[in-house]
Every structure is written in C-alpha cells, then in structure tokens.
C-alpha cells in the first residue's frame, strides 16, 4: 500500500506546484520539475520493489 501512498503524495505536491506556478513565464522549467518529480517517485518505487528489505528505511 505504500506505493499508492507515495503516488498520492506526489500528486498532492504536483497539484500544489501547478497552483503556485505561472507556467506562462517558464514552461520548460515547469516541465522539468514535473519530470524530475515523476522520475524520483518512480525511482523510489522501483528501488523498493527490487529490494523489499529496504522498504520503509531511508
């Protein structure tokens, strides 16, 4: 269940970011931040699925 929790948290952060950002000034920056957030979330999920003992440890 922690995977869906991570996804929900990423979605909330993304929503907060989009609401607080005027993309008309720097669309490339907005896309880069969103891409980095998604890659970070996916990378954590992939790492935890490859190493079940590491789940919950930081």
C-alpha atoms as a PDB file:
ATOM      1  CA  UNK A   1       0.000   0.000   0.000  1.00  0.00           C
ATOM      2  CA  UNK A   2       2.936   2.355   0.473  1.00  0.00           C
ATOM      3  CA  UNK A   3       3.326   2.580  -3.311  1.00  0.00           C
ATOM      4  CA  UNK A   4      -0.112   4.143  -3.710  1.00  0.00           C
ATOM      5  CA  UNK A   5       0.654   6.415  -0.744  1.00  0.00           C
ATOM      6  CA  UNK A   6       3.804   7.690  -2.494  1.00  0.00           C
ATOM      7  CA  UNK A   7       1.798   8.279  -5.637  1.00  0.00           C
ATOM      8  CA  UNK A   8      -0.852  10.249  -3.724  1.00  0.00           C
ATOM      9  CA  UNK A   9       1.808  12.395  -2.067  1.00  0.00           C
ATOM     10  CA  UNK A  10       3.438  13.069  -5.427  1.00  0.00           C
ATOM     11  CA  UNK A  11       0.060  14.029  -6.854  1.00  0.00           C
ATOM     12  CA  UNK A  12      -0.578  16.466  -3.986  1.00  0.00           C
ATOM     13  CA  UNK A  13       2.875  18.035  -4.414  1.00  0.00           C
ATOM     14  CA  UNK A  14       2.289  18.308  -8.149  1.00  0.00           C
ATOM     15  CA  UNK A  15      -1.107  19.942  -7.594  1.00  0.00           C
ATOM     16  CA  UNK A  16       0.394  22.440  -5.127  1.00  0.00           C
ATOM     17  CA  UNK A  17       3.198  23.195  -7.541  1.00  0.00           C
ATOM     18  CA  UNK A  18       0.878  23.745 -10.508  1.00  0.00           C
ATOM     19  CA  UNK A  19      -1.412  26.038  -8.498  1.00  0.00           C
ATOM     20  CA  UNK A  20       1.551  28.092  -7.297  1.00  0.00           C
ATOM     21  CA  UNK A  21       3.302  28.395 -10.627  1.00  0.00           C
ATOM     22  CA  UNK A  22       2.649  30.652 -13.601  1.00  0.00           C
ATOM     23  CA  UNK A  23       3.686  28.344 -16.433  1.00  0.00           C
ATOM     24  CA  UNK A  24       3.452  31.163 -18.990  1.00  0.00           C
ATOM     25  CA  UNK A  25       6.744  32.532 -17.647  1.00  0.00           C
ATOM     26  CA  UNK A  26       8.767  29.341 -17.877  1.00  0.00           C
ATOM     27  CA  UNK A  27       7.022  26.282 -19.341  1.00  0.00           C
ATOM     28  CA  UNK A  28      10.334  24.462 -19.754  1.00  0.00           C
ATOM     29  CA  UNK A  29      11.027  24.846 -16.040  1.00  0.00           C
ATOM     30  CA  UNK A  30       7.559  23.556 -15.155  1.00  0.00           C
ATOM     31  CA  UNK A  31       8.011  20.502 -17.348  1.00  0.00           C
ATOM     32  CA  UNK A  32      11.471  19.826 -15.933  1.00  0.00           C
ATOM     33  CA  UNK A  33      10.210  19.959 -12.340  1.00  0.00           C
ATOM     34  CA  UNK A  34       7.251  17.678 -13.107  1.00  0.00           C
ATOM     35  CA  UNK A  35       9.515  15.240 -14.945  1.00  0.00           C
ATOM     36  CA  UNK A  36      12.006  15.164 -12.071  1.00  0.00           C
ATOM     37  CA  UNK A  37       9.234  14.576  -9.527  1.00  0.00           C
ATOM     38  CA  UNK A  38       7.845  11.674 -11.548  1.00  0.00           C
ATOM     39  CA  UNK A  39      11.274  10.124 -12.077  1.00  0.00           C
ATOM     40  CA  UNK A  40      12.057  10.427  -8.366  1.00  0.00           C
ATOM     41  CA  UNK A  41       8.771   8.766  -7.409  1.00  0.00           C
ATOM     42  CA  UNK A  42       9.191   6.000  -9.962  1.00  0.00           C
ATOM     43  CA  UNK A  43      12.815   5.505  -8.997  1.00  0.00           C
ATOM     44  CA  UNK A  44      11.915   5.066  -5.334  1.00  0.00           C
ATOM     45  CA  UNK A  45       9.173   2.607  -6.185  1.00  0.00           C
ATOM     46  CA  UNK A  46      11.483   0.627  -8.477  1.00  0.00           C
ATOM     47  CA  UNK A  47      14.230   0.560  -5.858  1.00  0.00           C
ATOM     48  CA  UNK A  48      11.860  -0.638  -3.138  1.00  0.00           C
ATOM     49  CA  UNK A  49      10.403  -3.364  -5.362  1.00  0.00           C
ATOM     50  CA  UNK A  50      13.915  -4.598  -6.188  1.00  0.00           C
ATOM     51  CA  UNK A  51      14.953  -4.575  -2.528  1.00  0.00           C
ATOM     52  CA  UNK A  52      11.995  -5.472  -0.278  1.00  0.00           C
ATOM     53  CA  UNK A  53      14.131  -5.230   2.867  1.00  0.00           C
ATOM     54  CA  UNK A  54      14.724  -1.529   2.181  1.00  0.00           C
ATOM     55  CA  UNK A  55      11.036  -0.622   2.199  1.00  0.00           C
ATOM     56  CA  UNK A  56      10.365   1.885   4.949  1.00  0.00           C
ATOM     57  CA  UNK A  57      14.048   2.568   5.587  1.00  0.00           C
ATOM     58  CA  UNK A  58      15.622   5.832   4.481  1.00  0.00           C
END
